[in-house]
Amino acid sequence: MIEQLRTIVGVELPPSIETIAPGESGEREGSTGRTGCASGTEARLLPPDERVLELLDAHGGRMWQQQVVAETGYSEGRVSNLLGEMEADGLVTRRWKGGQKVVSLPERGPES
């Protein structure tokens, strides 16, 4: 199949593509595919609410809402809506502090 692709497309494929057989994921045996804290590509595969919760956990349970925007790459509106839904579900709390919103895990609460 790789040879057919090479012929049809006319490009050289990287060796990594050639070495992975159909049905293989390329992960090492025994690997779960997850680490303690998702980052990089793996973080982008998480649902948005789980990604925010992992970010908060990695930052000690508290972040500025603008930090969430910067670190997720989501728009301000998307983050605001997402955090509003998460707050309604009791997953996070948001409080105003110094003209900005502080997002916290419920057990931490905003810094006084």
PDB file of N, CA and C in Angstrom:
ATOM      1  N   MET A   1       0.820  -1.188   0.000  1.00  0.00           N
ATOM      2  CA  MET A   1       0.000   0.000   0.000  1.00  0.00           C
ATOM      3  C   MET A   1       0.870   1.260   0.000  1.00  0.00           C
ATOM      4  N   ILE A   2       1.947   1.250   0.772  1.00  0.00           N
ATOM      5  CA  ILE A   2       2.848   2.400   0.820  1.00  0.00           C
ATOM      6  C   ILE A   2       3.419   2.671  -0.565  1.00  0.00           C
ATOM      7  N   GLU A   3       3.785   1.628  -1.259  1.00  0.00           N
ATOM      8  CA  GLU A   3       4.328   1.803  -2.612  1.00  0.00           C
ATOM      9  C   GLU A   3       3.290   2.413  -3.556  1.00  0.00           C
ATOM     10  N   GLN A   4       2.033   2.017  -3.415  1.00  0.00           N
ATOM     11  CA  GLN A   4       0.966   2.584  -4.243  1.00  0.00           C
ATOM     12  C   GLN A   4       0.811   4.074  -3.948  1.00  0.00           C
ATOM     13  N   LEU A   5       0.837   4.442  -2.680  1.00  0.00           N
ATOM     14  CA  LEU A   5       0.741   5.855  -2.313  1.00  0.00           C
ATOM     15  C   LEU A   5       1.902   6.646  -2.891  1.00  0.00           C
ATOM     16  N   ARG A   6       3.096   6.081  -2.779  1.00  0.00           N
ATOM     17  CA  ARG A   6       4.276   6.751  -3.318  1.00  0.00           C
ATOM     18  C   ARG A   6       4.121   7.002  -4.814  1.00  0.00           C
ATOM     19  N   THR A   7       3.609   6.005  -5.520  1.00  0.00           N
ATOM     20  CA  THR A   7       3.453   6.111  -6.974  1.00  0.00           C
ATOM     21  C   THR A   7       2.372   7.128  -7.330  1.00  0.00           C
ATOM     22  N   ILE A   8       1.231   7.064  -6.643  1.00  0.00           N
ATOM     23  CA  ILE A   8       0.113   7.951  -6.957  1.00  0.00           C
ATOM     24  C   ILE A   8       0.429   9.394  -6.594  1.00  0.00           C
ATOM     25  N   VAL A   9       0.921   9.613  -5.386  1.00  0.00           N
ATOM     26  CA  VAL A   9       1.162  10.961  -4.897  1.00  0.00           C
ATOM     27  C   VAL A   9       2.479  11.511  -5.409  1.00  0.00           C
ATOM     28  N   GLY A  10       3.447  10.658  -5.578  1.00  0.00           N
ATOM     29  CA  GLY A  10       4.740  11.089  -6.081  1.00  0.00           C
ATOM     30  C   GLY A  10       5.593  11.792  -5.044  1.00  0.00           C
ATOM     31  N   VAL A  11       5.393  11.471  -3.764  1.00  0.00           N
ATOM     32  CA  VAL A  11       6.208  12.070  -2.712  1.00  0.00           C
ATOM     33  C   VAL A  11       6.874  10.975  -1.896  1.00  0.00           C
ATOM     34  N   GLU A  12       7.970  11.336  -1.287  1.00  0.00           N
ATOM     35  CA  GLU A  12       8.683  10.420  -0.407  1.00  0.00           C
ATOM     36  C   GLU A  12       8.056  10.489   0.976  1.00  0.00           C
ATOM     37  N   LEU A  13       7.662   9.354   1.520  1.00  0.00           N
ATOM     38  CA  LEU A  13       7.047   9.302   2.840  1.00  0.00           C
ATOM     39  C   LEU A  13       8.120   9.142   3.910  1.00  0.00           C
ATOM     40  N   PRO A  14       7.920   9.729   5.085  1.00  0.00           N
ATOM     41  CA  PRO A  14       8.881   9.570   6.165  1.00  0.00           C
ATOM     42  C   PRO A  14       8.952   8.111   6.605  1.00  0.00           C
ATOM     43  N   PRO A  15      10.111   7.666   7.074  1.00  0.00           N
ATOM     44  CA  PRO A  15      10.274   6.276   7.492  1.00  0.00           C
ATOM     45  C   PRO A  15       9.289   5.855   8.580  1.00  0.00           C
ATOM     46  N   SER A  16       8.876   6.773   9.445  1.00  0.00           N
ATOM     47  CA  SER A  16       7.971   6.412  10.532  1.00  0.00           C
ATOM     48  C   SER A  16       6.644   5.896  10.000  1.00  0.00           C
ATOM     49  N   ILE A  17       6.173   6.404   8.873  1.00  0.00           N
ATOM     50  CA  ILE A  17       4.915   5.951   8.292  1.00  0.00           C
ATOM     51  C   ILE A  17       5.072   4.542   7.741  1.00  0.00           C
ATOM     52  N   GLU A  18       6.216   4.267   7.151  1.00  0.00           N
ATOM     53  CA  GLU A  18       6.444   2.964   6.560  1.00  0.00           C
ATOM     54  C   GLU A  18       6.575   1.872   7.613  1.00  0.00           C
ATOM     55  N   THR A  19       7.052   2.196   8.796  1.00  0.00           N
ATOM     56  CA  THR A  19       7.316   1.168   9.798  1.00  0.00           C
ATOM     57  C   THR A  19       6.102   0.806  10.636  1.00  0.00           C
ATOM     58  N   ILE A  20       5.048   1.618  10.627  1.00  0.00           N
ATOM     59  CA  ILE A  20       3.858   1.308  11.413  1.00  0.00           C
ATOM     60  C   ILE A  20       2.904   0.497  10.551  1.00  0.00           C
ATOM     61  N   ALA A  21       2.642  -0.715  10.995  1.00  0.00           N
ATOM     62  CA  ALA A  21       1.739  -1.595  10.263  1.00  0.00           C
ATOM     63  C   ALA A  21       0.301  -1.174  10.514  1.00  0.00           C
ATOM     64  N   PRO A  22      -0.607  -1.535   9.614  1.00  0.00           N
ATOM     65  CA  PRO A  22      -2.016  -1.201   9.823  1.00  0.00           C
ATOM     66  C   PRO A  22      -2.504  -1.759  11.159  1.00  0.00           C
ATOM     67  N   GLY A  23      -3.250  -0.946  11.905  1.00  0.00           N
ATOM     68  CA  GLY A  23      -3.772  -1.364  13.195  1.00  0.00           C
ATOM     69  C   GLY A  23      -2.855  -1.060  14.359  1.00  0.00           C
ATOM     70  N   GLU A  24      -1.601  -0.682  14.084  1.00  0.00           N
ATOM     71  CA  GLU A  24      -0.677  -0.322  15.153  1.00  0.00           C
ATOM     72  C   GLU A  24      -0.771   1.167  15.410  1.00  0.00           C
ATOM     73  N   SER A  25      -0.583   1.558  16.648  1.00  0.00           N
ATOM     74  CA  SER A  25      -0.675   2.972  16.984  1.00  0.00           C
ATOM     75  C   SER A  25       0.688   3.627  17.052  1.00  0.00           C
ATOM     76  N   GLY A  26       1.739   2.846  17.102  1.00  0.00           N
ATOM     77  CA  GLY A  26       3.068   3.406  17.216  1.00  0.00           C
ATOM     78  C   GLY A  26       3.509   3.598  18.658  1.00  0.00           C
ATOM     79  N   GLU A  27       2.646   3.234  19.618  1.00  0.00           N
ATOM     80  CA  GLU A  27       3.019   3.366  21.020  1.00  0.00           C
ATOM     81  C   GLU A  27       3.818   2.157  21.451  1.00  0.00           C
ATOM     82  N   ARG A  28       4.654   2.362  22.456  1.00  0.00           N
ATOM     83  CA  ARG A  28       5.435   1.259  22.997  1.00  0.00           C
ATOM     84  C   ARG A  28       4.517   0.297  23.730  1.00  0.00           C
ATOM     85  N   GLU A  29       4.925  -0.947  23.767  1.00  0.00           N
ATOM     86  CA  GLU A  29       4.154  -1.951  24.484  1.00  0.00           C
ATOM     87  C   GLU A  29       4.064  -1.581  25.956  1.00  0.00           C
ATOM     88  N   GLY A  30       2.864  -1.714  26.521  1.00  0.00           N
ATOM     89  CA  GLY A  30       2.668  -1.397  27.926  1.00  0.00           C
ATOM     90  C   GLY A  30       2.358   0.064  28.178  1.00  0.00           C
ATOM     91  N   SER A  31       2.428   0.884  27.154  1.00  0.00           N
ATOM     92  CA  SER A  31       2.153   2.307  27.318  1.00  0.00           C
ATOM     93  C   SER A  31       0.657   2.542  27.355  1.00  0.00           C
ATOM     94  N   THR A  32       0.211   3.396  28.256  1.00  0.00           N
ATOM     95  CA  THR A  32      -1.211   3.717  28.338  1.00  0.00           C
ATOM     96  C   THR A  32      -1.566   4.884  27.440  1.00  0.00           C
ATOM     97  N   GLY A  33      -0.550   5.608  26.955  1.00  0.00           N
ATOM     98  CA  GLY A  33      -0.814   6.756  26.101  1.00  0.00           C
ATOM     99  C   GLY A  33      -1.126   8.013  26.879  1.00  0.00           C
ATOM    100  N   ARG A  34      -1.118   7.953  28.209  1.00  0.00           N
ATOM    101  CA  ARG A  34      -1.406   9.111  29.048  1.00  0.00           C
ATOM    102  C   ARG A  34      -0.287   9.317  30.034  1.00  0.00           C
ATOM    103  N   THR A  35      -0.051  10.565  30.342  1.00  0.00           N
ATOM    104  CA  THR A  35       0.922  10.897  31.375  1.00  0.00           C
ATOM    105  C   THR A  35       0.173  11.555  32.512  1.00  0.00           C
ATOM    106  N   GLY A  36       0.864  11.883  33.574  1.00  0.00           N
ATOM    107  CA  GLY A  36       0.218  12.506  34.725  1.00  0.00           C
ATOM    108  C   GLY A  36      -0.473  13.802  34.379  1.00  0.00           C
ATOM    109  N   CYS A  37       0.144  14.611  33.539  1.00  0.00           N
ATOM    110  CA  CYS A  37      -0.450  15.887  33.161  1.00  0.00           C
ATOM    111  C   CYS A  37      -0.417  15.987  31.644  1.00  0.00           C
ATOM    112  N   ALA A  38      -1.537  16.201  31.044  1.00  0.00           N
ATOM    113  CA  ALA A  38      -1.593  16.303  29.598  1.00  0.00           C
ATOM    114  C   ALA A  38      -0.928  17.586  29.146  1.00  0.00           C
ATOM    115  N   SER A  39      -0.172  17.489  28.070  1.00  0.00           N
ATOM    116  CA  SER A  39       0.457  18.678  27.514  1.00  0.00           C
ATOM    117  C   SER A  39       0.612  18.506  26.022  1.00  0.00           C
ATOM    118  N   GLY A  40       0.850  19.601  25.333  1.00  0.00           N
ATOM    119  CA  GLY A  40       1.083  19.553  23.900  1.00  0.00           C
ATOM    120  C   GLY A  40      -0.100  18.982  23.156  1.00  0.00           C
ATOM    121  N   THR A  41       0.182  18.065  22.228  1.00  0.00           N
ATOM    122  CA  THR A  41      -0.857  17.475  21.400  1.00  0.00           C
ATOM    123  C   THR A  41      -1.873  16.724  22.232  1.00  0.00           C
ATOM    124  N   GLU A  42      -1.406  16.003  23.254  1.00  0.00           N
ATOM    125  CA  GLU A  42      -2.323  15.229  24.088  1.00  0.00           C
ATOM    126  C   GLU A  42      -3.351  16.138  24.760  1.00  0.00           C
ATOM    127  N   ALA A  43      -2.936  17.313  25.211  1.00  0.00           N
ATOM    128  CA  ALA A  43      -3.857  18.235  25.856  1.00  0.00           C
ATOM    129  C   ALA A  43      -4.920  18.694  24.882  1.00  0.00           C
ATOM    130  N   ARG A  44      -4.579  18.868  23.632  1.00  0.00           N
ATOM    131  CA  ARG A  44      -5.549  19.317  22.644  1.00  0.00           C
ATOM    132  C   ARG A  44      -6.598  18.249  22.364  1.00  0.00           C
ATOM    133  N   LEU A  45      -6.305  16.988  22.696  1.00  0.00           N
ATOM    134  CA  LEU A  45      -7.255  15.918  22.466  1.00  0.00           C
ATOM    135  C   LEU A  45      -8.269  15.795  23.593  1.00  0.00           C
ATOM    136  N   LEU A  46      -8.008  16.435  24.715  1.00  0.00           N
ATOM    137  CA  LEU A  46      -8.936  16.391  25.834  1.00  0.00           C
ATOM    138  C   LEU A  46     -10.160  17.249  25.545  1.00  0.00           C
ATOM    139  N   PRO A  47     -11.320  16.871  26.099  1.00  0.00           N
ATOM    140  CA  PRO A  47     -12.475  17.767  26.000  1.00  0.00           C
ATOM    141  C   PRO A  47     -12.139  19.093  26.682  1.00  0.00           C
ATOM    142  N   PRO A  48     -12.710  20.204  26.227  1.00  0.00           N
ATOM    143  CA  PRO A  48     -12.353  21.521  26.765  1.00  0.00           C
ATOM    144  C   PRO A  48     -12.454  21.640  28.283  1.00  0.00           C
ATOM    145  N   ASP A  49     -13.513  21.081  28.882  1.00  0.00           N
ATOM    146  CA  ASP A  49     -13.654  21.212  30.330  1.00  0.00           C
ATOM    147  C   ASP A  49     -12.564  20.439  31.074  1.00  0.00           C
ATOM    148  N   GLU A  50     -12.195  19.263  30.582  1.00  0.00           N
ATOM    149  CA  GLU A  50     -11.117  18.494  31.212  1.00  0.00           C
ATOM    150  C   GLU A  50      -9.777  19.203  31.051  1.00  0.00           C
ATOM    151  N   ARG A  51      -9.597  19.841  29.906  1.00  0.00           N
ATOM    152  CA  ARG A  51      -8.356  20.572  29.667  1.00  0.00           C
ATOM    153  C   ARG A  51      -8.206  21.721  30.667  1.00  0.00           C
ATOM    154  N   VAL A  52      -9.296  22.444  30.900  1.00  0.00           N
ATOM    155  CA  VAL A  52      -9.270  23.551  31.860  1.00  0.00           C
ATOM    156  C   VAL A  52      -8.994  23.021  33.266  1.00  0.00           C
ATOM    157  N   LEU A  53      -9.641  21.912  33.634  1.00  0.00           N
ATOM    158  CA  LEU A  53      -9.417  21.346  34.966  1.00  0.00           C
ATOM    159  C   LEU A  53      -7.960  20.913  35.152  1.00  0.00           C
ATOM    160  N   GLU A  54      -7.358  20.335  34.116  1.00  0.00           N
ATOM    161  CA  GLU A  54      -5.945  19.943  34.211  1.00  0.00           C
ATOM    162  C   GLU A  54      -5.039  21.165  34.317  1.00  0.00           C
ATOM    163  N   LEU A  55      -5.375  22.231  33.579  1.00  0.00           N
ATOM    164  CA  LEU A  55      -4.597  23.469  33.677  1.00  0.00           C
ATOM    165  C   LEU A  55      -4.674  24.037  35.087  1.00  0.00           C
ATOM    166  N   LEU A  56      -5.881  24.082  35.626  1.00  0.00           N
ATOM    167  CA  LEU A  56      -6.052  24.602  36.984  1.00  0.00           C
ATOM    168  C   LEU A  56      -5.267  23.758  37.988  1.00  0.00           C
ATOM    169  N   ASP A  57      -5.330  22.468  37.841  1.00  0.00           N
ATOM    170  CA  ASP A  57      -4.592  21.580  38.742  1.00  0.00           C
ATOM    171  C   ASP A  57      -3.091  21.823  38.632  1.00  0.00           C
ATOM    172  N   ALA A  58      -2.601  22.005  37.414  1.00  0.00           N
ATOM    173  CA  ALA A  58      -1.177  22.249  37.197  1.00  0.00           C
ATOM    174  C   ALA A  58      -0.723  23.598  37.747  1.00  0.00           C
ATOM    175  N   HIS A  59      -1.662  24.536  37.905  1.00  0.00           N
ATOM    176  CA  HIS A  59      -1.354  25.872  38.419  1.00  0.00           C
ATOM    177  C   HIS A  59      -1.780  26.038  39.874  1.00  0.00           C
ATOM    178  N   GLY A  60      -1.866  24.950  40.593  1.00  0.00           N
ATOM    179  CA  GLY A  60      -2.193  25.033  42.007  1.00  0.00           C
ATOM    180  C   GLY A  60      -3.656  25.292  42.309  1.00  0.00           C
ATOM    181  N   GLY A  61      -4.530  25.077  41.325  1.00  0.00           N
ATOM    182  CA  GLY A  61      -5.959  25.220  41.552  1.00  0.00           C
ATOM    183  C   GLY A  61      -6.526  26.603  41.318  1.00  0.00           C
ATOM    184  N   ARG A  62      -5.704  27.532  40.837  1.00  0.00           N
ATOM    185  CA  ARG A  62      -6.172  28.904  40.661  1.00  0.00           C
ATOM    186  C   ARG A  62      -5.430  29.564  39.498  1.00  0.00           C
ATOM    187  N   MET A  63      -6.177  30.267  38.637  1.00  0.00           N
ATOM    188  CA  MET A  63      -5.592  30.989  37.497  1.00  0.00           C
ATOM    189  C   MET A  63      -6.459  32.200  37.175  1.00  0.00           C
ATOM    190  N   TRP A  64      -5.852  33.196  36.541  1.00  0.00           N
ATOM    191  CA  TRP A  64      -6.622  34.285  35.958  1.00  0.00           C
ATOM    192  C   TRP A  64      -7.339  33.730  34.738  1.00  0.00           C
ATOM    193  N   GLN A  65      -8.534  34.235  34.468  1.00  0.00           N
ATOM    194  CA  GLN A  65      -9.275  33.775  33.299  1.00  0.00           C
ATOM    195  C   GLN A  65      -8.483  34.040  32.023  1.00  0.00           C
ATOM    196  N   GLN A  66      -7.764  35.159  31.959  1.00  0.00           N
ATOM    197  CA  GLN A  66      -6.955  35.468  30.775  1.00  0.00           C
ATOM    198  C   GLN A  66      -5.820  34.459  30.578  1.00  0.00           C
ATOM    199  N   GLN A  67      -5.313  33.881  31.674  1.00  0.00           N
ATOM    200  CA  GLN A  67      -4.301  32.824  31.553  1.00  0.00           C
ATOM    201  C   GLN A  67      -4.905  31.595  30.887  1.00  0.00           C
ATOM    202  N   VAL A  68      -6.145  31.286  31.231  1.00  0.00           N
ATOM    203  CA  VAL A  68      -6.826  30.145  30.620  1.00  0.00           C
ATOM    204  C   VAL A  68      -6.956  30.378  29.117  1.00  0.00           C
ATOM    205  N   VAL A  69      -7.333  31.605  28.731  1.00  0.00           N
ATOM    206  CA  VAL A  69      -7.439  31.958  27.313  1.00  0.00           C
ATOM    207  C   VAL A  69      -6.086  31.755  26.627  1.00  0.00           C
ATOM    208  N   ALA A  70      -5.027  32.285  27.231  1.00  0.00           N
ATOM    209  CA  ALA A  70      -3.699  32.212  26.623  1.00  0.00           C
ATOM    210  C   ALA A  70      -3.191  30.776  26.507  1.00  0.00           C
ATOM    211  N   GLU A  71      -3.408  29.977  27.530  1.00  0.00           N
ATOM    212  CA  GLU A  71      -2.841  28.629  27.534  1.00  0.00           C
ATOM    213  C   GLU A  71      -3.659  27.614  26.745  1.00  0.00           C
ATOM    214  N   THR A  72      -4.950  27.864  26.572  1.00  0.00           N
ATOM    215  CA  THR A  72      -5.759  26.937  25.778  1.00  0.00           C
ATOM    216  C   THR A  72      -5.776  27.313  24.301  1.00  0.00           C
ATOM    217  N   GLY A  73      -5.602  28.618  24.019  1.00  0.00           N
ATOM    218  CA  GLY A  73      -5.710  29.072  22.635  1.00  0.00           C
ATOM    219  C   GLY A  73      -7.155  29.285  22.210  1.00  0.00           C
ATOM    220  N   TYR A  74      -8.093  29.104  23.139  1.00  0.00           N
ATOM    221  CA  TYR A  74      -9.498  29.347  22.839  1.00  0.00           C
ATOM    222  C   TYR A  74      -9.764  30.846  22.870  1.00  0.00           C
ATOM    223  N   SER A  75     -10.832  31.269  22.197  1.00  0.00           N
ATOM    224  CA  SER A  75     -11.200  32.688  22.207  1.00  0.00           C
ATOM    225  C   SER A  75     -11.706  33.073  23.591  1.00  0.00           C
ATOM    226  N   GLU A  76     -11.703  34.383  23.868  1.00  0.00           N
ATOM    227  CA  GLU A  76     -12.203  34.874  25.149  1.00  0.00           C
ATOM    228  C   GLU A  76     -13.658  34.470  25.351  1.00  0.00           C
ATOM    229  N   GLY A  77     -14.456  34.566  24.298  1.00  0.00           N
ATOM    230  CA  GLY A  77     -15.864  34.203  24.386  1.00  0.00           C
ATOM    231  C   GLY A  77     -16.063  32.729  24.687  1.00  0.00           C
ATOM    232  N   ARG A  78     -15.277  31.886  24.017  1.00  0.00           N
ATOM    233  CA  ARG A  78     -15.404  30.446  24.251  1.00  0.00           C
ATOM    234  C   ARG A  78     -15.029  30.100  25.693  1.00  0.00           C
ATOM    235  N   VAL A  79     -13.945  30.694  26.179  1.00  0.00           N
ATOM    236  CA  VAL A  79     -13.513  30.424  27.556  1.00  0.00           C
ATOM    237  C   VAL A  79     -14.563  30.926  28.542  1.00  0.00           C
ATOM    238  N   SER A  80     -15.107  32.111  28.302  1.00  0.00           N
ATOM    239  CA  SER A  80     -16.117  32.664  29.190  1.00  0.00           C
ATOM    240  C   SER A  80     -17.350  31.754  29.246  1.00  0.00           C
ATOM    241  N   ASN A  81     -17.821  31.309  28.086  1.00  0.00           N
ATOM    242  CA  ASN A  81     -18.981  30.415  28.044  1.00  0.00           C
ATOM    243  C   ASN A  81     -18.678  29.073  28.705  1.00  0.00           C
ATOM    244  N   LEU A  82     -17.509  28.518  28.403  1.00  0.00           N
ATOM    245  CA  LEU A  82     -17.109  27.238  28.978  1.00  0.00           C
ATOM    246  C   LEU A  82     -17.029  27.327  30.499  1.00  0.00           C
ATOM    247  N   LEU A  83     -16.369  28.374  30.991  1.00  0.00           N
ATOM    248  CA  LEU A  83     -16.236  28.530  32.441  1.00  0.00           C
ATOM    249  C   LEU A  83     -17.587  28.790  33.099  1.00  0.00           C
ATOM    250  N   GLY A  84     -18.476  29.491  32.412  1.00  0.00           N
ATOM    251  CA  GLY A  84     -19.826  29.709  32.935  1.00  0.00           C
ATOM    252  C   GLY A  84     -20.571  28.393  33.108  1.00  0.00           C
ATOM    253  N   GLU A  85     -20.449  27.506  32.116  1.00  0.00           N
ATOM    254  CA  GLU A  85     -21.079  26.185  32.204  1.00  0.00           C
ATOM    255  C   GLU A  85     -20.445  25.361  33.320  1.00  0.00           C
ATOM    256  N   MET A  86     -19.103  25.423  33.410  1.00  0.00           N
ATOM    257  CA  MET A  86     -18.401  24.668  34.443  1.00  0.00           C
ATOM    258  C   MET A  86     -18.757  25.186  35.836  1.00  0.00           C
ATOM    259  N   GLU A  87     -18.934  26.499  35.942  1.00  0.00           N
ATOM    260  CA  GLU A  87     -19.310  27.093  37.222  1.00  0.00           C
ATOM    261  C   GLU A  87     -20.721  26.648  37.621  1.00  0.00           C
ATOM    262  N   ALA A  88     -21.637  26.624  36.654  1.00  0.00           N
ATOM    263  CA  ALA A  88     -23.008  26.180  36.925  1.00  0.00           C
ATOM    264  C   ALA A  88     -23.041  24.716  37.368  1.00  0.00           C
ATOM    265  N   ASP A  89     -22.085  23.917  36.860  1.00  0.00           N
ATOM    266  CA  ASP A  89     -22.001  22.497  37.224  1.00  0.00           C
ATOM    267  C   ASP A  89     -21.211  22.272  38.519  1.00  0.00           C
ATOM    268  N   GLY A  90     -20.681  23.355  39.095  1.00  0.00           N
ATOM    269  CA  GLY A  90     -19.930  23.235  40.346  1.00  0.00           C
ATOM    270  C   GLY A  90     -18.496  22.762  40.182  1.00  0.00           C
ATOM    271  N   LEU A  91     -17.969  22.810  38.944  1.00  0.00           N
ATOM    272  CA  LEU A  91     -16.604  22.348  38.697  1.00  0.00           C
ATOM    273  C   LEU A  91     -15.554  23.408  38.998  1.00  0.00           C
ATOM    274  N   VAL A  92     -15.926  24.682  38.846  1.00  0.00           N
ATOM    275  CA  VAL A  92     -15.021  25.801  39.122  1.00  0.00           C
ATOM    276  C   VAL A  92     -15.807  26.930  39.773  1.00  0.00           C
ATOM    277  N   THR A  93     -15.077  27.868  40.351  1.00  0.00           N
ATOM    278  CA  THR A  93     -15.683  29.112  40.834  1.00  0.00           C
ATOM    279  C   THR A  93     -14.944  30.261  40.161  1.00  0.00           C
ATOM    280  N   ARG A  94     -15.658  31.367  39.938  1.00  0.00           N
ATOM    281  CA  ARG A  94     -15.038  32.567  39.371  1.00  0.00           C
ATOM    282  C   ARG A  94     -15.412  33.753  40.238  1.00  0.00           C
ATOM    283  N   ARG A  95     -14.413  34.573  40.530  1.00  0.00           N
ATOM    284  CA  ARG A  95     -14.627  35.784  41.320  1.00  0.00           C
ATOM    285  C   ARG A  95     -13.815  36.915  40.698  1.00  0.00           C
ATOM    286  N   TRP A  96     -14.366  38.130  40.826  1.00  0.00           N
ATOM    287  CA  TRP A  96     -13.647  39.319  40.359  1.00  0.00           C
ATOM    288  C   TRP A  96     -12.575  39.682  41.373  1.00  0.00           C
ATOM    289  N   LYS A  97     -11.398  40.020  40.878  1.00  0.00           N
ATOM    290  CA  LYS A  97     -10.318  40.504  41.737  1.00  0.00           C
ATOM    291  C   LYS A  97      -9.461  41.461  40.921  1.00  0.00           C
ATOM    292  N   GLY A  98      -9.409  42.697  41.345  1.00  0.00           N
ATOM    293  CA  GLY A  98      -8.586  43.680  40.652  1.00  0.00           C
ATOM    294  C   GLY A  98      -8.951  43.883  39.198  1.00  0.00           C
ATOM    295  N   GLY A  99     -10.217  43.805  38.869  1.00  0.00           N
ATOM    296  CA  GLY A  99     -10.649  44.041  37.494  1.00  0.00           C
ATOM    297  C   GLY A  99     -10.536  42.831  36.584  1.00  0.00           C
ATOM    298  N   GLN A 100     -10.121  41.699  37.127  1.00  0.00           N
ATOM    299  CA  GLN A 100     -10.013  40.464  36.348  1.00  0.00           C
ATOM    300  C   GLN A 100     -10.694  39.338  37.102  1.00  0.00           C
ATOM    301  N   LYS A 101     -11.031  38.288  36.375  1.00  0.00           N
ATOM    302  CA  LYS A 101     -11.659  37.137  37.021  1.00  0.00           C
ATOM    303  C   LYS A 101     -10.602  36.104  37.385  1.00  0.00           C
ATOM    304  N   VAL A 102     -10.728  35.594  38.606  1.00  0.00           N
ATOM    305  CA  VAL A 102      -9.889  34.497  39.075  1.00  0.00           C
ATOM    306  C   VAL A 102     -10.738  33.235  38.989  1.00  0.00           C
ATOM    307  N   VAL A 103     -10.204  32.214  38.324  1.00  0.00           N
ATOM    308  CA  VAL A 103     -10.875  30.938  38.192  1.00  0.00           C
ATOM    309  C   VAL A 103     -10.213  29.982  39.177  1.00  0.00           C
ATOM    310  N   SER A 104     -11.026  29.294  39.975  1.00  0.00           N
ATOM    311  CA  SER A 104     -10.484  28.392  40.995  1.00  0.00           C
ATOM    312  C   SER A 104     -11.217  27.070  40.987  1.00  0.00           C
ATOM    313  N   LEU A 105     -10.514  26.048  41.427  1.00  0.00           N
ATOM    314  CA  LEU A 105     -11.186  24.797  41.734  1.00  0.00           C
ATOM    315  C   LEU A 105     -11.991  25.040  43.002  1.00  0.00           C
ATOM    316  N   PRO A 106     -13.155  24.461  43.142  1.00  0.00           N
ATOM    317  CA  PRO A 106     -14.039  24.773  44.264  1.00  0.00           C
ATOM    318  C   PRO A 106     -13.407  24.662  45.636  1.00  0.00           C
ATOM    319  N   GLU A 107     -12.568  23.682  45.885  1.00  0.00           N
ATOM    320  CA  GLU A 107     -11.980  23.521  47.206  1.00  0.00           C
ATOM    321  C   GLU A 107     -10.947  24.579  47.539  1.00  0.00           C
ATOM    322  N   ARG A 108     -10.396  25.256  46.532  1.00  0.00           N
ATOM    323  CA  ARG A 108      -9.381  26.288  46.763  1.00  0.00           C
ATOM    324  C   ARG A 108      -9.988  27.654  47.040  1.00  0.00           C
ATOM    325  N   GLY A 109     -10.955  28.053  46.232  1.00  0.00           N
ATOM    326  CA  GLY A 109     -11.550  29.382  46.358  1.00  0.00           C
ATOM    327  C   GLY A 109     -10.583  30.455  45.897  1.00  0.00           C
ATOM    328  N   PRO A 110     -11.090  31.653  45.612  1.00  0.00           N
ATOM    329  CA  PRO A 110     -10.228  32.742  45.158  1.00  0.00           C
ATOM    330  C   PRO A 110      -9.349  33.258  46.298  1.00  0.00           C
ATOM    331  N   GLU A 111      -8.192  33.754  45.920  1.00  0.00           N
ATOM    332  CA  GLU A 111      -7.257  34.322  46.894  1.00  0.00           C
ATOM    333  C   GLU A 111      -7.843  35.594  47.471  1.00  0.00           C
ATOM    334  N   SER A 112      -7.735  35.789  48.745  1.00  0.00           N
ATOM    335  CA  SER A 112      -8.280  37.008  49.382  1.00  0.00           C
ATOM    336  C   SER A 112      -7.294  38.134  49.329  1.00  0.00           C
TER     337      SER A 112
END
